Amino acid sequence: MSKRNLIFILLMAPLFPFCSSEKQALKVVDEVNLEKYTGMWYEIARLPNRFEKGLKCVTATYQLREDGKITVINKGHKIENPQQAEKVEGWAKVPNPEEPGKLKVTFFWPFFGKYWIIDLDVDYHYALVGSPSRKYLWVLAREKALKEATYKKLLKTAEEKGFDTAKLIRTKQDCEKME
């Protein structure tokens, strides 16, 4: 390498972090009590994804298993025909107990997705879940609706963490009976 090229690289090196396409690391919650997290969650909003396209009244139910893993059951009703429901069952695990907010979920083993809890109410009334790629994001709650102030707070958190909240879809939760 020529001396001229080396000088150019040294002068430009401080700019490289700004040119990177790599996103800033996604911080997750420090603590998750999986027993409190289990049960049914209503999807309040989500970033568009192919596996939930055309669904409303979406729920996620988590159940602890004896082997330490978590059964995951996602269910949603067709917008065009609410009597018709889609359901998928998978499981999740916490790969590193030192990072309990970072779960891996599979519905088609051996392929896992990153399910990272990035905000969680102290009483487990709501959660903000996303992926480090910022491609996936969910606002979840124990009730079919959130107070608007709480929803806006979660949107602000998501925006600060690099998610495009302008693309969020509010999930209709107008089905009469949720099983």
N, C-alpha and C. Protein backbone atom coordinates (compact mmCIF):
# COMPACT_ATOMS: atom_id res chain seq x y z
N MET A 1 0.85 -1.17 0.00
CA MET A 1 0.00 0.00 0.00
C MET A 1 0.90 1.24 0.00
N SER A 2 0.52 2.17 -0.81
CA SER A 2 1.34 3.39 -0.90
C SER A 2 1.13 4.27 0.32
N LYS A 3 2.10 5.13 0.56
CA LYS A 3 2.02 6.05 1.69
C LYS A 3 0.81 6.98 1.51
N ARG A 4 0.55 7.38 0.28
CA ARG A 4 -0.58 8.27 -0.01
C ARG A 4 -1.92 7.60 0.34
N ASN A 5 -2.08 6.32 -0.05
CA ASN A 5 -3.30 5.58 0.27
C ASN A 5 -3.47 5.39 1.78
N LEU A 6 -2.39 5.13 2.47
CA LEU A 6 -2.44 4.96 3.92
C LEU A 6 -2.88 6.25 4.60
N ILE A 7 -2.37 7.37 4.16
CA ILE A 7 -2.77 8.67 4.73
C ILE A 7 -4.26 8.92 4.47
N PHE A 8 -4.71 8.61 3.26
CA PHE A 8 -6.13 8.77 2.93
C PHE A 8 -7.01 7.93 3.85
N ILE A 9 -6.66 6.67 4.06
CA ILE A 9 -7.44 5.78 4.93
C ILE A 9 -7.46 6.30 6.35
N LEU A 10 -6.32 6.75 6.85
CA LEU A 10 -6.26 7.27 8.22
C LEU A 10 -7.11 8.53 8.38
N LEU A 11 -7.12 9.37 7.37
CA LEU A 11 -7.94 10.58 7.43
C LEU A 11 -9.43 10.28 7.34
N MET A 12 -9.80 9.27 6.60
CA MET A 12 -11.21 8.92 6.39
C MET A 12 -11.76 7.97 7.46
N ALA A 13 -10.92 7.30 8.20
CA ALA A 13 -11.36 6.30 9.17
C ALA A 13 -12.42 6.80 10.15
N PRO A 14 -12.30 8.03 10.67
CA PRO A 14 -13.33 8.48 11.61
C PRO A 14 -14.72 8.58 11.00
N LEU A 15 -14.83 8.65 9.68
CA LEU A 15 -16.14 8.74 9.03
C LEU A 15 -16.79 7.39 8.79
N PHE A 16 -16.05 6.30 8.89
CA PHE A 16 -16.59 4.97 8.56
C PHE A 16 -17.81 4.59 9.40
N PRO A 17 -17.87 4.87 10.70
CA PRO A 17 -19.06 4.48 11.45
C PRO A 17 -20.34 5.10 10.89
N PHE A 18 -20.24 6.30 10.31
CA PHE A 18 -21.42 6.96 9.78
C PHE A 18 -21.84 6.38 8.44
N CYS A 19 -20.95 5.71 7.76
CA CYS A 19 -21.24 5.14 6.45
C CYS A 19 -21.77 3.72 6.56
N SER A 20 -21.68 3.14 7.70
CA SER A 20 -22.06 1.75 7.89
C SER A 20 -23.57 1.56 7.72
N SER A 21 -23.96 0.47 7.08
CA SER A 21 -25.37 0.14 6.95
C SER A 21 -25.86 -0.65 8.17
N GLU A 22 -24.95 -1.00 9.05
CA GLU A 22 -25.28 -1.74 10.25
C GLU A 22 -26.08 -0.85 11.20
N LYS A 23 -27.16 -1.38 11.74
CA LYS A 23 -27.98 -0.62 12.67
C LYS A 23 -27.37 -0.68 14.06
N GLN A 24 -27.73 0.32 14.86
CA GLN A 24 -27.27 0.35 16.24
C GLN A 24 -27.84 -0.86 16.97
N ALA A 25 -27.09 -1.40 17.91
CA ALA A 25 -27.54 -2.57 18.67
C ALA A 25 -28.89 -2.28 19.32
N LEU A 26 -29.76 -3.26 19.31
CA LEU A 26 -31.09 -3.11 19.89
C LEU A 26 -31.05 -3.55 21.35
N LYS A 27 -31.31 -2.61 22.24
CA LYS A 27 -31.30 -2.90 23.67
C LYS A 27 -32.62 -3.56 24.06
N VAL A 28 -32.53 -4.58 24.88
CA VAL A 28 -33.71 -5.30 25.35
C VAL A 28 -33.87 -5.06 26.86
N VAL A 29 -35.00 -5.49 27.40
CA VAL A 29 -35.23 -5.36 28.83
C VAL A 29 -34.23 -6.23 29.59
N ASP A 30 -33.88 -5.82 30.79
CA ASP A 30 -32.90 -6.55 31.59
C ASP A 30 -33.48 -7.77 32.29
N GLU A 31 -34.78 -7.71 32.58
CA GLU A 31 -35.40 -8.80 33.33
C GLU A 31 -36.72 -9.20 32.71
N VAL A 32 -36.97 -10.51 32.68
CA VAL A 32 -38.25 -11.05 32.24
C VAL A 32 -38.58 -12.22 33.15
N ASN A 33 -39.72 -12.14 33.81
CA ASN A 33 -40.22 -13.26 34.59
C ASN A 33 -41.13 -14.05 33.66
N LEU A 34 -40.63 -15.19 33.18
CA LEU A 34 -41.39 -15.95 32.18
C LEU A 34 -42.74 -16.42 32.70
N GLU A 35 -42.82 -16.68 33.99
CA GLU A 35 -44.12 -17.09 34.56
C GLU A 35 -45.14 -15.97 34.43
N LYS A 36 -44.72 -14.73 34.67
CA LYS A 36 -45.62 -13.59 34.52
C LYS A 36 -45.91 -13.31 33.05
N TYR A 37 -44.96 -13.62 32.18
CA TYR A 37 -45.12 -13.34 30.75
C TYR A 37 -46.08 -14.32 30.08
N THR A 38 -46.22 -15.50 30.65
CA THR A 38 -47.10 -16.50 30.05
C THR A 38 -48.55 -16.03 30.08
N GLY A 39 -49.36 -16.69 29.28
CA GLY A 39 -50.77 -16.34 29.15
C GLY A 39 -51.01 -15.72 27.78
N MET A 40 -52.21 -15.16 27.62
CA MET A 40 -52.59 -14.61 26.33
C MET A 40 -52.31 -13.11 26.24
N TRP A 41 -51.78 -12.71 25.08
CA TRP A 41 -51.52 -11.32 24.75
C TRP A 41 -52.30 -10.98 23.49
N TYR A 42 -52.90 -9.81 23.47
CA TYR A 42 -53.57 -9.31 22.28
C TYR A 42 -52.58 -8.46 21.48
N GLU A 43 -52.61 -8.65 20.18
CA GLU A 43 -51.77 -7.82 19.31
C GLU A 43 -52.49 -6.49 19.09
N ILE A 44 -51.86 -5.41 19.51
CA ILE A 44 -52.42 -4.07 19.35
C ILE A 44 -51.99 -3.47 18.01
N ALA A 45 -50.75 -3.72 17.64
CA ALA A 45 -50.23 -3.22 16.36
C ALA A 45 -49.03 -4.07 15.95
N ARG A 46 -48.70 -3.99 14.65
CA ARG A 46 -47.55 -4.74 14.13
C ARG A 46 -47.02 -4.06 12.89
N LEU A 47 -45.76 -4.31 12.59
CA LEU A 47 -45.23 -3.96 11.29
C LEU A 47 -45.75 -5.02 10.31
N PRO A 48 -46.02 -4.64 9.07
CA PRO A 48 -46.54 -5.61 8.11
C PRO A 48 -45.59 -6.80 7.95
N ASN A 49 -46.18 -7.98 7.87
CA ASN A 49 -45.41 -9.20 7.61
C ASN A 49 -46.30 -10.17 6.86
N ARG A 50 -45.69 -11.06 6.13
CA ARG A 50 -46.45 -11.96 5.25
C ARG A 50 -47.28 -12.98 6.02
N PHE A 51 -46.84 -13.39 7.20
CA PHE A 51 -47.55 -14.45 7.90
C PHE A 51 -48.78 -13.96 8.66
N GLU A 52 -48.99 -12.65 8.76
CA GLU A 52 -50.19 -12.14 9.41
C GLU A 52 -51.06 -11.33 8.44
N LYS A 53 -50.72 -11.38 7.18
CA LYS A 53 -51.46 -10.61 6.18
C LYS A 53 -52.92 -11.05 6.15
N GLY A 54 -53.82 -10.06 6.21
CA GLY A 54 -55.25 -10.35 6.14
C GLY A 54 -55.85 -10.86 7.43
N LEU A 55 -55.16 -10.69 8.56
CA LEU A 55 -55.68 -11.18 9.83
C LEU A 55 -56.05 -10.05 10.78
N LYS A 56 -57.03 -10.30 11.60
CA LYS A 56 -57.41 -9.41 12.69
C LYS A 56 -57.61 -10.28 13.93
N CYS A 57 -57.87 -9.64 15.05
CA CYS A 57 -58.10 -10.36 16.31
C CYS A 57 -56.96 -11.32 16.59
N VAL A 58 -55.74 -10.85 16.38
CA VAL A 58 -54.56 -11.70 16.55
C VAL A 58 -54.17 -11.75 18.02
N THR A 59 -53.88 -12.97 18.46
CA THR A 59 -53.42 -13.18 19.84
C THR A 59 -52.19 -14.08 19.82
N ALA A 60 -51.43 -13.97 20.90
CA ALA A 60 -50.28 -14.85 21.11
C ALA A 60 -50.42 -15.40 22.54
N THR A 61 -50.34 -16.70 22.65
CA THR A 61 -50.44 -17.33 23.97
C THR A 61 -49.15 -18.08 24.25
N TYR A 62 -48.61 -17.85 25.43
CA TYR A 62 -47.34 -18.45 25.84
C TYR A 62 -47.58 -19.34 27.05
N GLN A 63 -47.00 -20.55 27.00
CA GLN A 63 -47.13 -21.50 28.11
C GLN A 63 -45.77 -22.09 28.42
N LEU A 64 -45.37 -22.04 29.70
CA LEU A 64 -44.10 -22.65 30.10
C LEU A 64 -44.20 -24.16 30.02
N ARG A 65 -43.13 -24.78 29.58
CA ARG A 65 -43.07 -26.24 29.49
C ARG A 65 -42.13 -26.75 30.57
N GLU A 66 -42.25 -28.02 30.86
CA GLU A 66 -41.39 -28.63 31.89
C GLU A 66 -39.92 -28.61 31.51
N ASP A 67 -39.62 -28.60 30.21
CA ASP A 67 -38.22 -28.59 29.77
C ASP A 67 -37.61 -27.19 29.75
N GLY A 68 -38.35 -26.18 30.25
CA GLY A 68 -37.84 -24.82 30.30
C GLY A 68 -38.13 -24.00 29.07
N LYS A 69 -38.64 -24.63 28.02
CA LYS A 69 -39.01 -23.91 26.81
C LYS A 69 -40.42 -23.36 26.96
N ILE A 70 -40.85 -22.60 25.99
CA ILE A 70 -42.15 -21.96 26.03
C ILE A 70 -42.93 -22.35 24.79
N THR A 71 -44.14 -22.88 24.99
CA THR A 71 -45.03 -23.14 23.86
C THR A 71 -45.61 -21.81 23.42
N VAL A 72 -45.63 -21.60 22.11
CA VAL A 72 -46.15 -20.35 21.53
C VAL A 72 -47.29 -20.72 20.59
N ILE A 73 -48.46 -20.12 20.83
CA ILE A 73 -49.62 -20.35 19.96
C ILE A 73 -50.10 -18.99 19.47
N ASN A 74 -49.97 -18.77 18.17
CA ASN A 74 -50.44 -17.53 17.55
C ASN A 74 -51.72 -17.83 16.79
N LYS A 75 -52.71 -16.96 16.97
CA LYS A 75 -53.99 -17.17 16.33
C LYS A 75 -54.53 -15.84 15.81
N GLY A 76 -55.18 -15.89 14.66
CA GLY A 76 -55.81 -14.71 14.10
C GLY A 76 -56.99 -15.11 13.25
N HIS A 77 -57.91 -14.19 13.08
CA HIS A 77 -59.11 -14.43 12.28
C HIS A 77 -58.98 -13.69 10.96
N LYS A 78 -59.49 -14.29 9.91
CA LYS A 78 -59.46 -13.66 8.58
C LYS A 78 -60.32 -12.40 8.60
N ILE A 79 -59.79 -11.33 8.05
CA ILE A 79 -60.57 -10.09 7.95
C ILE A 79 -61.79 -10.31 7.08
N GLU A 80 -61.62 -11.03 5.97
CA GLU A 80 -62.72 -11.26 5.02
C GLU A 80 -63.75 -12.25 5.54
N ASN A 81 -63.34 -13.16 6.43
CA ASN A 81 -64.25 -14.16 6.98
C ASN A 81 -63.87 -14.43 8.43
N PRO A 82 -64.35 -13.60 9.37
CA PRO A 82 -63.93 -13.72 10.77
C PRO A 82 -64.21 -15.08 11.42
N GLN A 83 -65.14 -15.87 10.84
CA GLN A 83 -65.40 -17.21 11.39
C GLN A 83 -64.21 -18.14 11.13
N GLN A 84 -63.41 -17.80 10.15
CA GLN A 84 -62.26 -18.63 9.79
C GLN A 84 -61.01 -18.11 10.51
N ALA A 85 -60.43 -18.99 11.31
CA ALA A 85 -59.24 -18.61 12.08
C ALA A 85 -58.02 -19.37 11.56
N GLU A 86 -56.87 -18.74 11.70
CA GLU A 86 -55.60 -19.39 11.41
C GLU A 86 -54.85 -19.51 12.72
N LYS A 87 -54.21 -20.65 12.90
CA LYS A 87 -53.48 -20.89 14.14
C LYS A 87 -52.18 -21.59 13.81
N VAL A 88 -51.12 -21.17 14.49
CA VAL A 88 -49.82 -21.80 14.31
C VAL A 88 -49.21 -22.00 15.69
N GLU A 89 -48.59 -23.15 15.88
CA GLU A 89 -47.97 -23.46 17.17
C GLU A 89 -46.48 -23.67 16.98
N GLY A 90 -45.72 -23.13 17.89
CA GLY A 90 -44.27 -23.29 17.88
C GLY A 90 -43.75 -23.28 19.31
N TRP A 91 -42.49 -22.99 19.44
CA TRP A 91 -41.91 -22.90 20.77
C TRP A 91 -40.77 -21.90 20.79
N ALA A 92 -40.45 -21.46 21.99
CA ALA A 92 -39.40 -20.46 22.16
C ALA A 92 -38.46 -20.90 23.25
N LYS A 93 -37.27 -20.28 23.23
CA LYS A 93 -36.29 -20.55 24.27
C LYS A 93 -35.50 -19.27 24.54
N VAL A 94 -34.91 -19.21 25.71
CA VAL A 94 -34.01 -18.12 26.07
C VAL A 94 -32.61 -18.72 25.96
N PRO A 95 -31.89 -18.43 24.87
CA PRO A 95 -30.58 -19.05 24.66
C PRO A 95 -29.53 -18.67 25.71
N ASN A 96 -29.62 -17.45 26.23
CA ASN A 96 -28.64 -16.97 27.20
C ASN A 96 -29.37 -16.41 28.41
N PRO A 97 -29.32 -17.10 29.55
CA PRO A 97 -30.02 -16.61 30.75
C PRO A 97 -29.57 -15.22 31.19
N GLU A 98 -28.38 -14.80 30.75
CA GLU A 98 -27.89 -13.46 31.08
C GLU A 98 -28.63 -12.37 30.28
N GLU A 99 -29.34 -12.78 29.22
CA GLU A 99 -30.11 -11.86 28.39
C GLU A 99 -31.54 -12.41 28.23
N PRO A 100 -32.33 -12.36 29.31
CA PRO A 100 -33.67 -12.97 29.27
C PRO A 100 -34.64 -12.29 28.32
N GLY A 101 -34.33 -11.08 27.87
CA GLY A 101 -35.20 -10.39 26.92
C GLY A 101 -35.00 -10.81 25.48
N LYS A 102 -34.00 -11.65 25.23
CA LYS A 102 -33.70 -12.12 23.87
C LYS A 102 -34.12 -13.58 23.75
N LEU A 103 -35.26 -13.79 23.13
CA LEU A 103 -35.76 -15.14 22.91
C LEU A 103 -35.58 -15.52 21.44
N LYS A 104 -35.55 -16.80 21.21
CA LYS A 104 -35.57 -17.34 19.85
C LYS A 104 -36.85 -18.16 19.74
N VAL A 105 -37.57 -17.95 18.64
CA VAL A 105 -38.85 -18.62 18.43
C VAL A 105 -38.81 -19.39 17.12
N THR A 106 -39.41 -20.57 17.14
CA THR A 106 -39.51 -21.36 15.92
C THR A 106 -40.94 -21.87 15.72
N PHE A 107 -41.39 -21.76 14.50
CA PHE A 107 -42.65 -22.36 14.10
C PHE A 107 -42.37 -23.45 13.06
N PHE A 108 -41.17 -23.41 12.50
CA PHE A 108 -40.74 -24.38 11.49
C PHE A 108 -39.31 -24.77 11.81
N TRP A 109 -39.15 -25.65 12.80
CA TRP A 109 -37.83 -26.07 13.23
C TRP A 109 -37.08 -26.66 12.04
N PRO A 110 -35.85 -26.37 11.87
CA PRO A 110 -34.86 -25.79 12.76
C PRO A 110 -34.65 -24.29 12.57
N PHE A 111 -35.59 -23.59 11.95
CA PHE A 111 -35.42 -22.16 11.67
C PHE A 111 -35.99 -21.34 12.83
N PHE A 112 -35.17 -20.44 13.36
CA PHE A 112 -35.56 -19.61 14.51
C PHE A 112 -35.60 -18.14 14.10
N GLY A 113 -36.53 -17.42 14.70
CA GLY A 113 -36.59 -15.97 14.57
C GLY A 113 -36.22 -15.33 15.89
N LYS A 114 -35.75 -14.11 15.82
CA LYS A 114 -35.38 -13.38 17.03
C LYS A 114 -36.59 -12.63 17.55
N TYR A 115 -36.95 -12.91 18.79
CA TYR A 115 -38.09 -12.31 19.49
C TYR A 115 -37.50 -11.58 20.68
N TRP A 116 -37.28 -10.28 20.50
CA TRP A 116 -36.62 -9.51 21.54
C TRP A 116 -37.60 -8.57 22.22
N ILE A 117 -37.69 -8.69 23.53
CA ILE A 117 -38.59 -7.85 24.33
C ILE A 117 -37.85 -6.54 24.62
N ILE A 118 -38.32 -5.46 24.00
CA ILE A 118 -37.60 -4.20 24.11
C ILE A 118 -38.26 -3.22 25.08
N ASP A 119 -39.48 -3.49 25.48
CA ASP A 119 -40.14 -2.73 26.54
C ASP A 119 -41.18 -3.64 27.16
N LEU A 120 -41.29 -3.55 28.48
CA LEU A 120 -42.20 -4.44 29.20
C LEU A 120 -42.71 -3.71 30.43
N ASP A 121 -44.02 -3.64 30.54
CA ASP A 121 -44.63 -3.00 31.70
C ASP A 121 -44.25 -3.76 32.97
N VAL A 122 -44.02 -3.04 34.04
CA VAL A 122 -43.61 -3.65 35.30
C VAL A 122 -44.65 -4.67 35.78
N ASP A 123 -45.92 -4.43 35.45
CA ASP A 123 -46.99 -5.36 35.84
C ASP A 123 -47.40 -6.29 34.70
N TYR A 124 -46.62 -6.31 33.63
CA TYR A 124 -46.85 -7.19 32.48
C TYR A 124 -48.21 -6.95 31.81
N HIS A 125 -48.62 -5.66 31.74
CA HIS A 125 -49.86 -5.31 31.05
C HIS A 125 -49.63 -5.06 29.56
N TYR A 126 -48.40 -4.68 29.19
CA TYR A 126 -48.08 -4.47 27.79
C TYR A 126 -46.62 -4.82 27.54
N ALA A 127 -46.32 -5.08 26.27
CA ALA A 127 -44.95 -5.40 25.87
C ALA A 127 -44.71 -4.85 24.46
N LEU A 128 -43.48 -4.49 24.20
CA LEU A 128 -43.04 -4.08 22.88
C LEU A 128 -41.98 -5.09 22.47
N VAL A 129 -42.24 -5.78 21.36
CA VAL A 129 -41.38 -6.87 20.92
C VAL A 129 -40.93 -6.60 19.49
N GLY A 130 -39.66 -6.83 19.22
CA GLY A 130 -39.17 -6.61 17.87
C GLY A 130 -37.99 -7.51 17.56
N SER A 131 -37.45 -7.30 16.38
CA SER A 131 -36.26 -8.04 15.94
C SER A 131 -35.13 -7.04 15.76
N PRO A 132 -33.88 -7.48 15.95
CA PRO A 132 -32.75 -6.56 15.81
C PRO A 132 -32.60 -5.99 14.39
N SER A 133 -33.17 -6.65 13.41
CA SER A 133 -33.14 -6.13 12.04
C SER A 133 -34.10 -4.96 11.84
N ARG A 134 -35.00 -4.77 12.81
CA ARG A 134 -36.07 -3.75 12.77
C ARG A 134 -37.13 -4.08 11.73
N LYS A 135 -37.12 -5.30 11.20
CA LYS A 135 -38.12 -5.72 10.22
C LYS A 135 -39.44 -6.09 10.90
N TYR A 136 -39.38 -6.60 12.12
CA TYR A 136 -40.57 -7.03 12.84
C TYR A 136 -40.74 -6.22 14.11
N LEU A 137 -42.00 -5.88 14.41
CA LEU A 137 -42.33 -5.16 15.63
C LEU A 137 -43.78 -5.45 15.99
N TRP A 138 -44.00 -5.70 17.27
CA TRP A 138 -45.35 -5.93 17.78
C TRP A 138 -45.57 -5.12 19.04
N VAL A 139 -46.75 -4.56 19.16
CA VAL A 139 -47.22 -3.97 20.40
C VAL A 139 -48.25 -4.95 20.94
N LEU A 140 -48.01 -5.47 22.13
CA LEU A 140 -48.88 -6.47 22.74
C LEU A 140 -49.46 -5.95 24.05
N ALA A 141 -50.65 -6.42 24.38
CA ALA A 141 -51.28 -6.03 25.65
C ALA A 141 -52.14 -7.18 26.16
N ARG A 142 -52.42 -7.13 27.45
CA ARG A 142 -53.27 -8.16 28.07
C ARG A 142 -54.74 -7.92 27.78
N GLU A 143 -55.08 -6.70 27.39
CA GLU A 143 -56.45 -6.34 27.04
C GLU A 143 -56.51 -6.08 25.54
N LYS A 144 -57.72 -6.01 24.99
CA LYS A 144 -57.89 -5.79 23.55
C LYS A 144 -57.49 -4.38 23.11
N ALA A 145 -57.32 -3.48 24.05
CA ALA A 145 -56.95 -2.10 23.71
C ALA A 145 -55.99 -1.55 24.75
N LEU A 146 -55.21 -0.57 24.33
CA LEU A 146 -54.30 0.14 25.23
C LEU A 146 -54.77 1.58 25.33
N LYS A 147 -54.47 2.22 26.45
CA LYS A 147 -54.72 3.65 26.55
C LYS A 147 -53.86 4.32 25.48
N GLU A 148 -54.40 5.34 24.84
CA GLU A 148 -53.70 6.00 23.75
C GLU A 148 -52.35 6.57 24.21
N ALA A 149 -52.29 7.07 25.43
CA ALA A 149 -51.03 7.62 25.95
C ALA A 149 -49.97 6.51 26.05
N THR A 150 -50.38 5.33 26.47
CA THR A 150 -49.44 4.20 26.57
C THR A 150 -48.98 3.78 25.18
N TYR A 151 -49.92 3.72 24.24
CA TYR A 151 -49.58 3.36 22.87
C TYR A 151 -48.57 4.35 22.28
N LYS A 152 -48.80 5.64 22.48
CA LYS A 152 -47.89 6.66 21.95
C LYS A 152 -46.51 6.57 22.61
N LYS A 153 -46.48 6.23 23.90
CA LYS A 153 -45.20 6.05 24.60
C LYS A 153 -44.42 4.89 23.97
N LEU A 154 -45.12 3.80 23.66
CA LEU A 154 -44.46 2.65 23.04
C LEU A 154 -43.99 2.99 21.63
N LEU A 155 -44.78 3.77 20.90
CA LEU A 155 -44.36 4.20 19.57
C LEU A 155 -43.09 5.04 19.65
N LYS A 156 -43.03 5.92 20.61
CA LYS A 156 -41.85 6.76 20.78
C LYS A 156 -40.63 5.89 21.09
N THR A 157 -40.81 4.91 21.97
CA THR A 157 -39.71 3.99 22.30
C THR A 157 -39.24 3.26 21.05
N ALA A 158 -40.19 2.76 20.27
CA ALA A 158 -39.85 2.03 19.04
C ALA A 158 -39.10 2.93 18.05
N GLU A 159 -39.57 4.16 17.90
CA GLU A 159 -38.90 5.10 16.99
C GLU A 159 -37.47 5.37 17.46
N GLU A 160 -37.30 5.57 18.76
CA GLU A 160 -35.97 5.83 19.31
C GLU A 160 -35.03 4.65 19.09
N LYS A 161 -35.60 3.45 18.97
CA LYS A 161 -34.81 2.24 18.77
C LYS A 161 -34.63 1.90 17.29
N GLY A 162 -35.11 2.79 16.42
CA GLY A 162 -34.85 2.63 14.99
C GLY A 162 -35.92 1.94 14.18
N PHE A 163 -37.11 1.76 14.73
CA PHE A 163 -38.21 1.13 13.98
C PHE A 163 -39.00 2.19 13.21
N ASP A 164 -39.51 1.82 12.04
CA ASP A 164 -40.31 2.71 11.22
C ASP A 164 -41.77 2.57 11.65
N THR A 165 -42.18 3.35 12.64
CA THR A 165 -43.52 3.21 13.19
C THR A 165 -44.61 3.76 12.26
N ALA A 166 -44.21 4.52 11.24
CA ALA A 166 -45.20 5.01 10.28
C ALA A 166 -45.86 3.85 9.52
N LYS A 167 -45.19 2.71 9.49
CA LYS A 167 -45.71 1.54 8.77
C LYS A 167 -46.56 0.62 9.67
N LEU A 168 -46.68 0.95 10.95
CA LEU A 168 -47.43 0.09 11.86
C LEU A 168 -48.89 -0.05 11.43
N ILE A 169 -49.40 -1.25 11.59
CA ILE A 169 -50.80 -1.55 11.32
C ILE A 169 -51.47 -1.76 12.67
N ARG A 170 -52.53 -1.00 12.95
CA ARG A 170 -53.30 -1.23 14.18
C ARG A 170 -54.16 -2.47 13.94
N THR A 171 -54.07 -3.41 14.84
CA THR A 171 -54.78 -4.67 14.70
C THR A 171 -56.19 -4.52 15.24
N LYS A 172 -57.17 -4.82 14.41
CA LYS A 172 -58.56 -4.78 14.89
C LYS A 172 -58.76 -5.95 15.84
N GLN A 173 -59.36 -5.64 16.98
CA GLN A 173 -59.69 -6.66 17.98
C GLN A 173 -61.19 -6.63 18.21
N ASP A 174 -61.95 -6.85 17.13
CA ASP A 174 -63.41 -6.73 17.20
C ASP A 174 -64.15 -8.06 17.10
N CYS A 175 -63.43 -9.16 17.25
CA CYS A 175 -64.08 -10.48 17.21
C CYS A 175 -64.78 -10.70 18.54
N GLU A 176 -65.98 -11.26 18.48
CA GLU A 176 -66.76 -11.42 19.70
C GLU A 176 -66.18 -12.44 20.66
N LYS A 177 -65.78 -13.59 20.16
CA LYS A 177 -65.31 -14.63 21.05
C LYS A 177 -63.87 -15.00 20.70
N MET A 178 -62.99 -14.88 21.67
CA MET A 178 -61.59 -15.25 21.45
C MET A 178 -61.32 -16.52 22.24
N GLU A 179 -60.92 -17.55 21.53
CA GLU A 179 -60.62 -18.82 22.20
C GLU A 179 -59.14 -19.03 22.28
